[in-house]
Amino acid sequence: MGVFLTVLFGYFKSVTAPTRWEVWNSKNIFLAFEKDSGSEFLRPEALLMKRMTDKRSDKNYRLVGELKSNMYIRYPATEYLYPIRITENAPLVFSKKSEAVPLVKECRLIDELEGIALHECPNL
């Protein structure tokens, strides 16, 4: 039985898709457990929001404009920012720098990084 499995494994490794086996290299498997592994696949907006939230102790934020309407930004950002929550009633609001915050006029700019702005809107 052991010889059969060895031959079968050798066959699949050499014939089916040798490039796939490189992914399962032990060096590559351990890379998955490093800090911020896989961040090169995230949207830059999510990475910028994470840099801003790391400076603060707040746990609830809101997205507006394109950050909210574009699911390719909203979903990865929501997952990547965990345990920070993206809610509809948070006083801290992320928006694109080029977009105005449409909520209330009392919002003030707190932080800004490469096209992403963080506003505080206390009267929400």
N, C-alpha and C. Protein backbone atom coordinates (compact mmCIF):
# COMPACT_ATOMS: atom_id res chain seq x y z
N MET A 1 0.83 -1.20 0.00
CA MET A 1 0.00 0.00 0.00
C MET A 1 0.87 1.26 0.00
N GLY A 2 1.95 1.26 0.83
CA GLY A 2 2.83 2.41 0.91
C GLY A 2 3.53 2.70 -0.41
N VAL A 3 3.92 1.64 -1.13
CA VAL A 3 4.58 1.81 -2.43
C VAL A 3 3.61 2.42 -3.43
N PHE A 4 2.38 1.98 -3.41
CA PHE A 4 1.37 2.51 -4.32
C PHE A 4 1.17 4.01 -4.08
N LEU A 5 1.04 4.41 -2.81
CA LEU A 5 0.85 5.84 -2.51
C LEU A 5 2.06 6.66 -2.90
N THR A 6 3.25 6.11 -2.73
CA THR A 6 4.47 6.83 -3.11
C THR A 6 4.51 7.03 -4.61
N VAL A 7 4.19 6.00 -5.37
CA VAL A 7 4.17 6.11 -6.83
C VAL A 7 3.09 7.08 -7.27
N LEU A 8 1.93 7.01 -6.67
CA LEU A 8 0.84 7.92 -7.00
C LEU A 8 1.21 9.36 -6.71
N PHE A 9 1.82 9.61 -5.56
CA PHE A 9 2.26 10.95 -5.20
C PHE A 9 3.30 11.45 -6.19
N GLY A 10 4.25 10.61 -6.54
CA GLY A 10 5.27 10.99 -7.51
C GLY A 10 4.68 11.30 -8.86
N TYR A 11 3.70 10.53 -9.28
CA TYR A 11 3.03 10.78 -10.55
C TYR A 11 2.35 12.15 -10.56
N PHE A 12 1.55 12.41 -9.54
CA PHE A 12 0.84 13.69 -9.50
C PHE A 12 1.79 14.86 -9.39
N LYS A 13 2.86 14.70 -8.66
CA LYS A 13 3.81 15.80 -8.49
C LYS A 13 4.56 16.10 -9.78
N SER A 14 4.82 15.10 -10.58
CA SER A 14 5.61 15.32 -11.80
C SER A 14 4.77 15.55 -13.04
N VAL A 15 3.55 15.04 -13.09
CA VAL A 15 2.77 15.09 -14.32
C VAL A 15 1.64 16.10 -14.27
N THR A 16 0.89 16.14 -13.19
CA THR A 16 -0.35 16.93 -13.19
C THR A 16 -0.10 18.43 -13.28
N ALA A 17 0.57 18.99 -12.34
CA ALA A 17 0.81 20.44 -12.36
C ALA A 17 1.98 20.75 -11.43
N PRO A 18 3.21 20.60 -11.92
CA PRO A 18 4.36 20.83 -11.04
C PRO A 18 4.40 22.22 -10.42
N THR A 19 3.87 23.22 -11.12
CA THR A 19 3.91 24.57 -10.55
C THR A 19 2.99 24.70 -9.35
N ARG A 20 1.94 23.92 -9.28
CA ARG A 20 1.06 23.96 -8.12
C ARG A 20 1.77 23.48 -6.86
N TRP A 21 2.68 22.57 -7.01
CA TRP A 21 3.35 21.99 -5.85
C TRP A 21 4.28 23.00 -5.19
N GLU A 22 4.70 24.02 -5.92
CA GLU A 22 5.56 25.03 -5.32
C GLU A 22 4.81 25.81 -4.25
N VAL A 23 3.52 25.97 -4.44
CA VAL A 23 2.70 26.67 -3.45
C VAL A 23 2.73 25.94 -2.11
N TRP A 24 2.77 24.63 -2.14
CA TRP A 24 2.74 23.83 -0.93
C TRP A 24 4.13 23.57 -0.36
N ASN A 25 5.10 24.30 -0.83
CA ASN A 25 6.45 24.21 -0.28
C ASN A 25 6.39 24.66 1.18
N SER A 26 7.13 24.00 2.06
CA SER A 26 7.06 24.32 3.49
C SER A 26 7.46 25.76 3.78
N LYS A 27 8.37 26.33 3.01
CA LYS A 27 8.75 27.74 3.20
C LYS A 27 7.55 28.65 2.94
N ASN A 28 6.80 28.36 1.90
CA ASN A 28 5.63 29.18 1.57
C ASN A 28 4.51 29.03 2.59
N ILE A 29 4.36 27.86 3.15
CA ILE A 29 3.31 27.65 4.14
C ILE A 29 3.60 28.49 5.38
N PHE A 30 4.83 28.55 5.83
CA PHE A 30 5.16 29.33 7.02
C PHE A 30 5.07 30.83 6.77
N LEU A 31 5.21 31.27 5.52
CA LEU A 31 5.05 32.69 5.21
C LEU A 31 3.63 33.17 5.49
N ALA A 32 2.66 32.29 5.41
CA ALA A 32 1.26 32.66 5.64
C ALA A 32 1.01 33.07 7.07
N PHE A 33 1.88 32.69 8.00
CA PHE A 33 1.66 33.00 9.41
C PHE A 33 2.45 34.22 9.88
N GLU A 34 3.16 34.89 8.99
CA GLU A 34 3.89 36.08 9.37
C GLU A 34 2.93 37.26 9.52
N LYS A 35 3.35 38.24 10.30
CA LYS A 35 2.52 39.42 10.54
C LYS A 35 2.28 40.16 9.21
N ASP A 36 1.04 40.55 8.99
CA ASP A 36 0.59 41.25 7.78
C ASP A 36 0.85 40.48 6.50
N SER A 37 0.89 39.17 6.59
CA SER A 37 1.05 38.35 5.40
C SER A 37 -0.17 38.48 4.52
N GLY A 38 0.03 38.64 3.24
CA GLY A 38 -1.07 38.77 2.29
C GLY A 38 -1.56 40.18 2.10
N SER A 39 -0.96 41.15 2.78
CA SER A 39 -1.44 42.53 2.64
C SER A 39 -1.19 43.09 1.25
N GLU A 40 -0.30 42.46 0.48
CA GLU A 40 -0.06 42.94 -0.88
C GLU A 40 -1.27 42.71 -1.79
N PHE A 41 -2.22 41.90 -1.34
CA PHE A 41 -3.41 41.64 -2.13
C PHE A 41 -4.60 42.52 -1.72
N LEU A 42 -4.43 43.32 -0.68
CA LEU A 42 -5.51 44.18 -0.22
C LEU A 42 -5.54 45.49 -0.98
N ARG A 43 -6.71 46.10 -0.99
CA ARG A 43 -6.84 47.41 -1.60
C ARG A 43 -6.05 48.43 -0.80
N PRO A 44 -5.43 49.40 -1.47
CA PRO A 44 -4.66 50.41 -0.74
C PRO A 44 -5.52 51.21 0.23
N GLU A 45 -6.79 51.38 -0.08
CA GLU A 45 -7.67 52.12 0.82
C GLU A 45 -7.79 51.41 2.17
N ALA A 46 -7.91 50.08 2.14
CA ALA A 46 -8.02 49.32 3.39
C ALA A 46 -6.74 49.43 4.20
N LEU A 47 -5.60 49.39 3.53
CA LEU A 47 -4.31 49.52 4.24
C LEU A 47 -4.17 50.90 4.87
N LEU A 48 -4.61 51.94 4.17
CA LEU A 48 -4.53 53.29 4.72
C LEU A 48 -5.47 53.46 5.91
N MET A 49 -6.67 52.90 5.82
CA MET A 49 -7.60 52.98 6.94
C MET A 49 -7.03 52.26 8.16
N LYS A 50 -6.37 51.14 7.94
CA LYS A 50 -5.75 50.40 9.04
C LYS A 50 -4.65 51.23 9.70
N ARG A 51 -3.85 51.91 8.90
CA ARG A 51 -2.80 52.77 9.48
C ARG A 51 -3.40 53.88 10.34
N MET A 52 -4.53 54.42 9.92
CA MET A 52 -5.18 55.48 10.70
C MET A 52 -5.81 54.94 11.97
N THR A 53 -6.44 53.77 11.89
CA THR A 53 -7.09 53.22 13.08
C THR A 53 -6.07 52.72 14.10
N ASP A 54 -4.89 52.34 13.65
CA ASP A 54 -3.85 51.89 14.58
C ASP A 54 -3.38 53.01 15.50
N LYS A 55 -3.57 54.26 15.09
CA LYS A 55 -3.16 55.41 15.90
C LYS A 55 -4.19 55.76 16.97
N ARG A 56 -5.40 55.21 16.86
CA ARG A 56 -6.49 55.60 17.75
C ARG A 56 -6.99 54.41 18.55
N SER A 57 -7.71 54.70 19.61
CA SER A 57 -8.28 53.62 20.44
C SER A 57 -9.76 53.37 20.14
N ASP A 58 -10.34 54.14 19.23
CA ASP A 58 -11.76 53.98 18.90
C ASP A 58 -12.00 52.66 18.19
N LYS A 59 -13.20 52.11 18.38
CA LYS A 59 -13.51 50.80 17.81
C LYS A 59 -14.64 50.82 16.78
N ASN A 60 -15.29 51.96 16.56
CA ASN A 60 -16.39 52.04 15.61
C ASN A 60 -16.14 53.15 14.60
N TYR A 61 -16.27 52.81 13.33
CA TYR A 61 -16.06 53.76 12.24
C TYR A 61 -17.16 53.60 11.22
N ARG A 62 -17.30 54.58 10.35
CA ARG A 62 -18.31 54.57 9.30
C ARG A 62 -17.61 54.84 7.97
N LEU A 63 -18.14 54.27 6.91
CA LEU A 63 -17.65 54.53 5.56
C LEU A 63 -18.71 55.32 4.81
N VAL A 64 -18.28 56.29 4.00
CA VAL A 64 -19.22 57.05 3.17
C VAL A 64 -18.65 57.15 1.76
N GLY A 65 -19.53 57.53 0.85
CA GLY A 65 -19.11 57.75 -0.53
C GLY A 65 -18.68 56.46 -1.21
N GLU A 66 -17.60 56.56 -1.99
CA GLU A 66 -17.12 55.40 -2.74
C GLU A 66 -16.62 54.29 -1.82
N LEU A 67 -16.09 54.64 -0.67
CA LEU A 67 -15.62 53.62 0.27
C LEU A 67 -16.77 52.71 0.72
N LYS A 68 -17.97 53.27 0.77
CA LYS A 68 -19.14 52.48 1.17
C LYS A 68 -19.80 51.81 -0.04
N SER A 69 -19.89 52.51 -1.14
CA SER A 69 -20.64 51.98 -2.29
C SER A 69 -19.86 50.95 -3.11
N ASN A 70 -18.55 51.02 -3.08
CA ASN A 70 -17.74 50.08 -3.85
C ASN A 70 -17.47 48.83 -3.01
N MET A 71 -18.09 47.72 -3.39
CA MET A 71 -17.95 46.50 -2.58
C MET A 71 -16.53 45.96 -2.59
N TYR A 72 -15.72 46.31 -3.58
CA TYR A 72 -14.34 45.85 -3.64
C TYR A 72 -13.45 46.61 -2.66
N ILE A 73 -13.97 47.67 -2.11
CA ILE A 73 -13.27 48.40 -1.04
C ILE A 73 -13.91 48.07 0.30
N ARG A 74 -15.25 48.13 0.36
CA ARG A 74 -15.97 47.96 1.62
C ARG A 74 -15.73 46.59 2.27
N TYR A 75 -15.90 45.52 1.53
CA TYR A 75 -15.77 44.18 2.13
C TYR A 75 -14.35 43.89 2.61
N PRO A 76 -13.32 44.12 1.79
CA PRO A 76 -11.96 43.86 2.31
C PRO A 76 -11.60 44.75 3.49
N ALA A 77 -12.05 46.00 3.48
CA ALA A 77 -11.75 46.90 4.59
C ALA A 77 -12.43 46.41 5.86
N THR A 78 -13.68 45.97 5.75
CA THR A 78 -14.41 45.48 6.92
C THR A 78 -13.70 44.27 7.52
N GLU A 79 -13.25 43.37 6.68
CA GLU A 79 -12.56 42.17 7.17
C GLU A 79 -11.17 42.50 7.73
N TYR A 80 -10.44 43.35 7.03
CA TYR A 80 -9.06 43.63 7.42
C TYR A 80 -8.98 44.47 8.70
N LEU A 81 -9.96 45.33 8.92
CA LEU A 81 -9.93 46.20 10.09
C LEU A 81 -10.39 45.51 11.37
N TYR A 82 -10.94 44.31 11.27
CA TYR A 82 -11.42 43.60 12.45
C TYR A 82 -10.33 43.56 13.51
N PRO A 83 -10.62 43.83 14.77
CA PRO A 83 -11.88 43.88 15.49
C PRO A 83 -12.57 45.24 15.45
N ILE A 84 -12.04 46.16 14.70
CA ILE A 84 -12.72 47.44 14.53
C ILE A 84 -13.99 47.20 13.71
N ARG A 85 -15.07 47.85 14.12
CA ARG A 85 -16.36 47.64 13.47
C ARG A 85 -16.68 48.78 12.53
N ILE A 86 -17.25 48.44 11.39
CA ILE A 86 -17.77 49.42 10.45
C ILE A 86 -19.28 49.42 10.65
N THR A 87 -19.80 50.54 11.19
CA THR A 87 -21.23 50.63 11.49
C THR A 87 -21.83 51.87 10.84
N GLU A 88 -23.13 51.97 10.91
CA GLU A 88 -23.83 53.11 10.32
C GLU A 88 -24.00 54.28 11.29
N ASN A 89 -23.69 54.11 12.55
CA ASN A 89 -23.92 55.20 13.51
C ASN A 89 -22.64 55.60 14.25
N ALA A 90 -21.50 55.41 13.64
CA ALA A 90 -20.24 55.78 14.29
C ALA A 90 -19.94 57.26 14.03
N PRO A 91 -19.37 57.95 15.02
CA PRO A 91 -19.04 59.36 14.83
C PRO A 91 -17.77 59.59 14.02
N LEU A 92 -16.95 58.56 13.84
CA LEU A 92 -15.74 58.69 13.03
C LEU A 92 -16.01 58.16 11.63
N VAL A 93 -15.71 58.98 10.63
CA VAL A 93 -16.14 58.70 9.26
C VAL A 93 -14.94 58.69 8.32
N PHE A 94 -14.80 57.59 7.57
CA PHE A 94 -13.80 57.51 6.51
C PHE A 94 -14.43 57.93 5.20
N SER A 95 -13.68 58.72 4.42
CA SER A 95 -14.13 59.09 3.08
C SER A 95 -12.90 59.26 2.19
N LYS A 96 -13.15 59.31 0.90
CA LYS A 96 -12.07 59.65 -0.01
C LYS A 96 -11.77 61.13 0.18
N LYS A 97 -10.53 61.51 0.03
CA LYS A 97 -10.12 62.89 0.23
C LYS A 97 -10.87 63.82 -0.73
N SER A 98 -11.13 63.35 -1.93
CA SER A 98 -11.79 64.18 -2.94
C SER A 98 -13.30 64.29 -2.74
N GLU A 99 -13.87 63.49 -1.84
CA GLU A 99 -15.31 63.51 -1.62
C GLU A 99 -15.65 64.28 -0.34
N ALA A 100 -16.72 65.02 -0.39
CA ALA A 100 -17.19 65.72 0.80
C ALA A 100 -17.97 64.74 1.68
N VAL A 101 -17.92 64.95 2.97
CA VAL A 101 -18.69 64.11 3.88
C VAL A 101 -20.12 64.64 3.87
N PRO A 102 -21.08 63.86 3.39
CA PRO A 102 -22.44 64.38 3.20
C PRO A 102 -23.32 64.32 4.44
N LEU A 103 -22.77 64.06 5.60
CA LEU A 103 -23.61 63.82 6.77
C LEU A 103 -24.07 65.10 7.43
N VAL A 104 -23.19 65.81 8.05
CA VAL A 104 -23.53 67.07 8.72
C VAL A 104 -22.39 68.06 8.52
N LYS A 105 -22.68 69.31 8.72
CA LYS A 105 -21.66 70.34 8.51
C LYS A 105 -20.65 70.42 9.64
N GLU A 106 -20.95 69.85 10.79
CA GLU A 106 -20.06 69.95 11.94
C GLU A 106 -18.89 68.97 11.90
N CYS A 107 -18.76 68.21 10.84
CA CYS A 107 -17.67 67.25 10.75
C CYS A 107 -16.34 67.99 10.60
N ARG A 108 -15.35 67.50 11.33
CA ARG A 108 -14.02 68.11 11.20
C ARG A 108 -13.01 67.05 10.83
N LEU A 109 -12.04 67.45 10.03
CA LEU A 109 -11.01 66.55 9.57
C LEU A 109 -10.05 66.22 10.70
N ILE A 110 -9.81 64.94 10.95
CA ILE A 110 -8.89 64.50 12.00
C ILE A 110 -7.56 64.06 11.41
N ASP A 111 -7.63 63.26 10.36
CA ASP A 111 -6.43 62.68 9.79
C ASP A 111 -6.62 62.50 8.29
N GLU A 112 -5.51 62.46 7.58
CA GLU A 112 -5.56 62.30 6.14
C GLU A 112 -4.30 61.59 5.68
N LEU A 113 -4.48 60.54 4.89
CA LEU A 113 -3.34 59.79 4.36
C LEU A 113 -3.60 59.44 2.90
N GLU A 114 -2.78 59.92 2.02
CA GLU A 114 -2.75 59.52 0.61
C GLU A 114 -4.13 59.29 -0.01
N GLY A 115 -5.01 60.21 0.14
CA GLY A 115 -6.31 60.11 -0.52
C GLY A 115 -7.46 59.63 0.34
N ILE A 116 -7.18 59.22 1.58
CA ILE A 116 -8.24 58.80 2.50
C ILE A 116 -8.28 59.80 3.65
N ALA A 117 -9.49 60.23 4.00
CA ALA A 117 -9.66 61.21 5.08
C ALA A 117 -10.49 60.59 6.20
N LEU A 118 -10.15 60.97 7.42
CA LEU A 118 -10.91 60.56 8.59
C LEU A 118 -11.49 61.80 9.23
N HIS A 119 -12.83 61.80 9.37
CA HIS A 119 -13.54 62.94 9.94
C HIS A 119 -14.21 62.52 11.25
N GLU A 120 -14.38 63.50 12.13
CA GLU A 120 -15.17 63.29 13.34
C GLU A 120 -16.45 64.08 13.20
N CYS A 121 -17.55 63.39 13.31
CA CYS A 121 -18.87 64.01 13.19
C CYS A 121 -19.63 63.72 14.48
N PRO A 122 -19.56 64.60 15.48
CA PRO A 122 -20.11 64.31 16.81
C PRO A 122 -21.64 64.26 16.88
N ASN A 123 -22.33 64.91 15.96
CA ASN A 123 -23.80 65.01 16.07
C ASN A 123 -24.51 63.99 15.22
N LEU A 124 -24.08 62.77 15.22
CA LEU A 124 -24.76 61.74 14.44
C LEU A 124 -25.68 60.93 15.30
